[in-house]
Amino acid sequence: MGNMQSLNPQNGFIGRSDAAQETFIGRNNTQNAGTNNGGQNRNFNRATTSGFQSGQNQFNAGQSAAPVPAFRPQMRVAFTAAPLPLSNVQASMGQSFDRIKERNEHLSGVQFELNADHSVTLRGQVESAGAKKLVEFLAMLEPGVRKVTNELTVVEK
């Protein structure tokens, strides 16, 4: 259990002896302040020396095999929802694409066709590959669209 002196709260930490005070990690060593150590104490030096060489960390040190791909579980919805009527999807997409064409003149050559299986086919011309992807992603965001077929062509102007 310890002697009475080690339980005395006047000594600082309970159970600490004077010898432990000299090696306490979080203690600011004021006795060594007169030495030329550049203002660094031994705790700082311990924190900066990691022991790993050549930029490797503890997870890839010494590995030579190919990395194992991450496990990605397939997510499934536990309920079924009735699909939106084609007329609602057609009207919604028409409004969305009209707004997009008004705000971005470089997308004015884009037309869409809504198929019976709730897939959308995009046709027309755009100025860049980025604009082609943008229109595809905007069509995917439309409620009721299940699949997008991108037949847009990129024309440099």
Protein backbone atom coordinates (compact mmCIF):
# COMPACT_ATOMS: atom_id res chain seq x y z
CA MET A 1 0.00 0.00 0.00
CA GLY A 2 2.85 2.41 0.59
CA ASN A 3 4.25 4.27 3.52
CA MET A 4 2.63 7.25 5.16
CA GLN A 5 5.00 9.70 3.50
CA SER A 6 3.99 8.59 -0.02
CA LEU A 7 0.31 9.25 0.80
CA ASN A 8 0.99 12.76 2.06
CA PRO A 9 -0.65 15.28 -0.32
CA GLN A 10 2.10 17.81 0.41
CA ASN A 11 4.48 15.76 -1.75
CA GLY A 12 2.48 16.49 -4.89
CA PHE A 13 1.10 13.34 -6.48
CA ILE A 14 0.06 10.52 -4.18
CA GLY A 15 2.59 7.72 -4.35
CA ARG A 16 5.29 9.84 -5.98
CA SER A 17 8.75 9.87 -4.50
CA ASP A 18 11.37 12.58 -4.92
CA ALA A 19 13.25 10.37 -7.39
CA ALA A 20 10.14 10.19 -9.59
CA GLN A 21 9.90 13.99 -9.57
CA GLU A 22 13.14 14.23 -11.56
CA THR A 23 11.90 11.97 -14.35
CA PHE A 24 8.27 13.10 -14.51
CA ILE A 25 7.45 13.54 -18.22
CA GLY A 26 5.22 16.60 -17.98
CA ARG A 27 7.49 18.49 -15.61
CA ASN A 28 9.27 21.58 -16.88
CA ASN A 29 12.89 20.98 -15.94
CA THR A 30 13.95 24.35 -14.53
CA GLN A 31 17.21 23.01 -13.10
CA ASN A 32 18.54 22.48 -16.64
CA ALA A 33 17.45 25.93 -17.88
CA GLY A 34 21.01 27.20 -17.59
CA THR A 35 22.33 24.62 -20.06
CA ASN A 36 22.50 25.41 -23.75
CA ASN A 37 19.67 23.35 -25.18
CA GLY A 38 18.05 26.02 -27.34
CA GLY A 39 14.96 26.33 -25.15
CA GLN A 40 13.92 22.74 -25.77
CA ASN A 41 13.29 20.34 -22.96
CA ARG A 42 13.66 16.61 -23.16
CA ASN A 43 9.92 16.13 -23.73
CA PHE A 44 10.07 18.08 -26.97
CA ASN A 45 13.00 15.99 -28.13
CA ARG A 46 11.09 12.78 -27.37
CA ALA A 47 8.09 13.96 -29.36
CA THR A 48 10.10 14.79 -32.48
CA THR A 49 12.03 11.55 -32.73
CA SER A 50 9.65 8.95 -34.09
CA GLY A 51 12.05 6.12 -34.84
CA PHE A 52 10.78 5.57 -38.40
CA GLN A 53 13.12 6.26 -41.28
CA SER A 54 12.71 7.20 -44.96
CA GLY A 55 9.20 8.64 -44.61
CA GLN A 56 7.52 5.37 -43.67
CA ASN A 57 4.99 5.22 -40.91
CA GLN A 58 4.07 2.37 -38.64
CA PHE A 59 1.39 1.05 -40.98
CA ASN A 60 3.43 0.65 -44.18
CA ALA A 61 6.88 0.03 -42.74
CA GLY A 62 8.37 -3.09 -44.27
CA GLN A 63 5.39 -3.97 -46.46
CA SER A 64 6.12 -5.40 -49.87
CA ALA A 65 2.81 -7.05 -50.85
CA ALA A 66 0.09 -5.34 -52.86
CA PRO A 67 -2.38 -3.41 -50.70
CA VAL A 68 -5.66 -5.15 -49.88
CA PRO A 69 -8.68 -3.33 -51.34
CA ALA A 70 -11.14 -1.86 -48.86
CA PHE A 71 -14.29 -3.84 -48.12
CA ARG A 72 -17.35 -2.02 -49.43
CA PRO A 73 -20.69 -3.51 -48.40
CA GLN A 74 -23.62 -3.28 -50.78
CA MET A 75 -26.44 -1.14 -49.42
CA ARG A 76 -30.03 -2.07 -50.16
CA VAL A 77 -33.22 -0.24 -49.40
CA ALA A 78 -35.56 -2.33 -47.27
CA PHE A 79 -38.76 -1.04 -48.85
CA THR A 80 -40.14 -0.46 -52.34
CA ALA A 81 -41.59 2.82 -53.47
CA ALA A 82 -43.96 3.32 -56.34
CA PRO A 83 -42.21 5.04 -59.25
CA LEU A 84 -43.23 8.57 -60.08
CA PRO A 85 -45.54 8.91 -63.09
CA LEU A 86 -43.65 9.63 -66.34
CA SER A 87 -45.66 12.80 -66.89
CA ASN A 88 -44.46 14.23 -63.54
CA VAL A 89 -40.83 13.35 -64.28
CA GLN A 90 -41.11 14.81 -67.82
CA ALA A 91 -42.56 18.09 -66.50
CA SER A 92 -40.01 18.37 -63.70
CA MET A 93 -37.05 17.68 -66.00
CA GLY A 94 -38.40 20.13 -68.57
CA GLN A 95 -38.54 22.91 -65.97
CA SER A 96 -35.10 22.08 -64.60
CA PHE A 97 -33.44 21.97 -68.02
CA ASP A 98 -35.16 25.21 -69.09
CA ARG A 99 -33.74 26.96 -66.00
CA ILE A 100 -30.28 25.50 -66.66
CA LYS A 101 -30.35 26.65 -70.29
CA GLU A 102 -31.42 30.18 -69.29
CA ARG A 103 -28.57 30.55 -66.81
CA ASN A 104 -25.87 28.82 -68.88
CA GLU A 105 -25.90 29.63 -72.58
CA HIS A 106 -23.20 27.05 -73.32
CA LEU A 107 -25.70 24.32 -72.35
CA SER A 108 -28.44 25.52 -74.71
CA GLY A 109 -27.74 22.68 -77.19
CA VAL A 110 -28.70 19.93 -74.72
CA GLN A 111 -31.91 17.91 -75.22
CA PHE A 112 -33.20 15.04 -73.11
CA GLU A 113 -35.48 12.12 -73.85
CA LEU A 114 -37.33 10.33 -71.05
CA ASN A 115 -37.90 6.62 -71.73
CA ALA A 116 -40.63 4.33 -70.36
CA ASP A 117 -38.17 2.61 -67.98
CA HIS A 118 -37.42 5.97 -66.28
CA SER A 119 -34.08 6.28 -68.04
CA VAL A 120 -32.96 9.51 -69.65
CA THR A 121 -30.97 9.87 -72.86
CA LEU A 122 -29.03 13.12 -73.26
CA ARG A 123 -28.24 14.38 -76.77
CA GLY A 124 -26.71 17.53 -78.16
CA GLN A 125 -23.46 19.45 -78.09
CA VAL A 126 -21.55 21.00 -75.20
CA GLU A 127 -18.28 22.98 -75.07
CA SER A 128 -16.26 20.83 -72.64
CA ALA A 129 -16.02 17.43 -71.01
CA GLY A 130 -16.79 19.10 -67.69
CA ALA A 131 -20.06 20.50 -69.05
CA LYS A 132 -20.94 17.03 -70.36
CA LYS A 133 -20.46 15.51 -66.89
CA LEU A 134 -22.33 18.38 -65.24
CA VAL A 135 -25.44 17.83 -67.36
CA GLU A 136 -25.25 14.09 -66.69
CA PHE A 137 -25.08 14.62 -62.93
CA LEU A 138 -27.91 17.15 -63.00
CA ALA A 139 -30.08 14.62 -64.83
CA MET A 140 -29.21 11.96 -62.23
CA LEU A 141 -30.37 14.27 -59.44
CA GLU A 142 -33.84 14.59 -60.92
CA PRO A 143 -36.45 12.64 -58.89
CA GLY A 144 -37.78 9.63 -60.78
CA VAL A 145 -34.73 9.16 -63.02
CA ARG A 146 -33.19 5.70 -62.66
CA LYS A 147 -30.49 5.72 -65.35
CA VAL A 148 -28.80 8.33 -67.56
CA THR A 149 -27.32 7.60 -70.99
CA ASN A 150 -25.00 10.43 -71.99
CA GLU A 151 -24.76 10.81 -75.77
CA LEU A 152 -23.58 14.43 -75.64
CA THR A 153 -20.72 15.41 -77.94
CA VAL A 154 -17.97 17.84 -77.00
CA VAL A 155 -17.38 20.58 -79.58
CA GLU A 156 -14.50 23.00 -79.04
CA LYS A 157 -15.42 26.60 -79.88
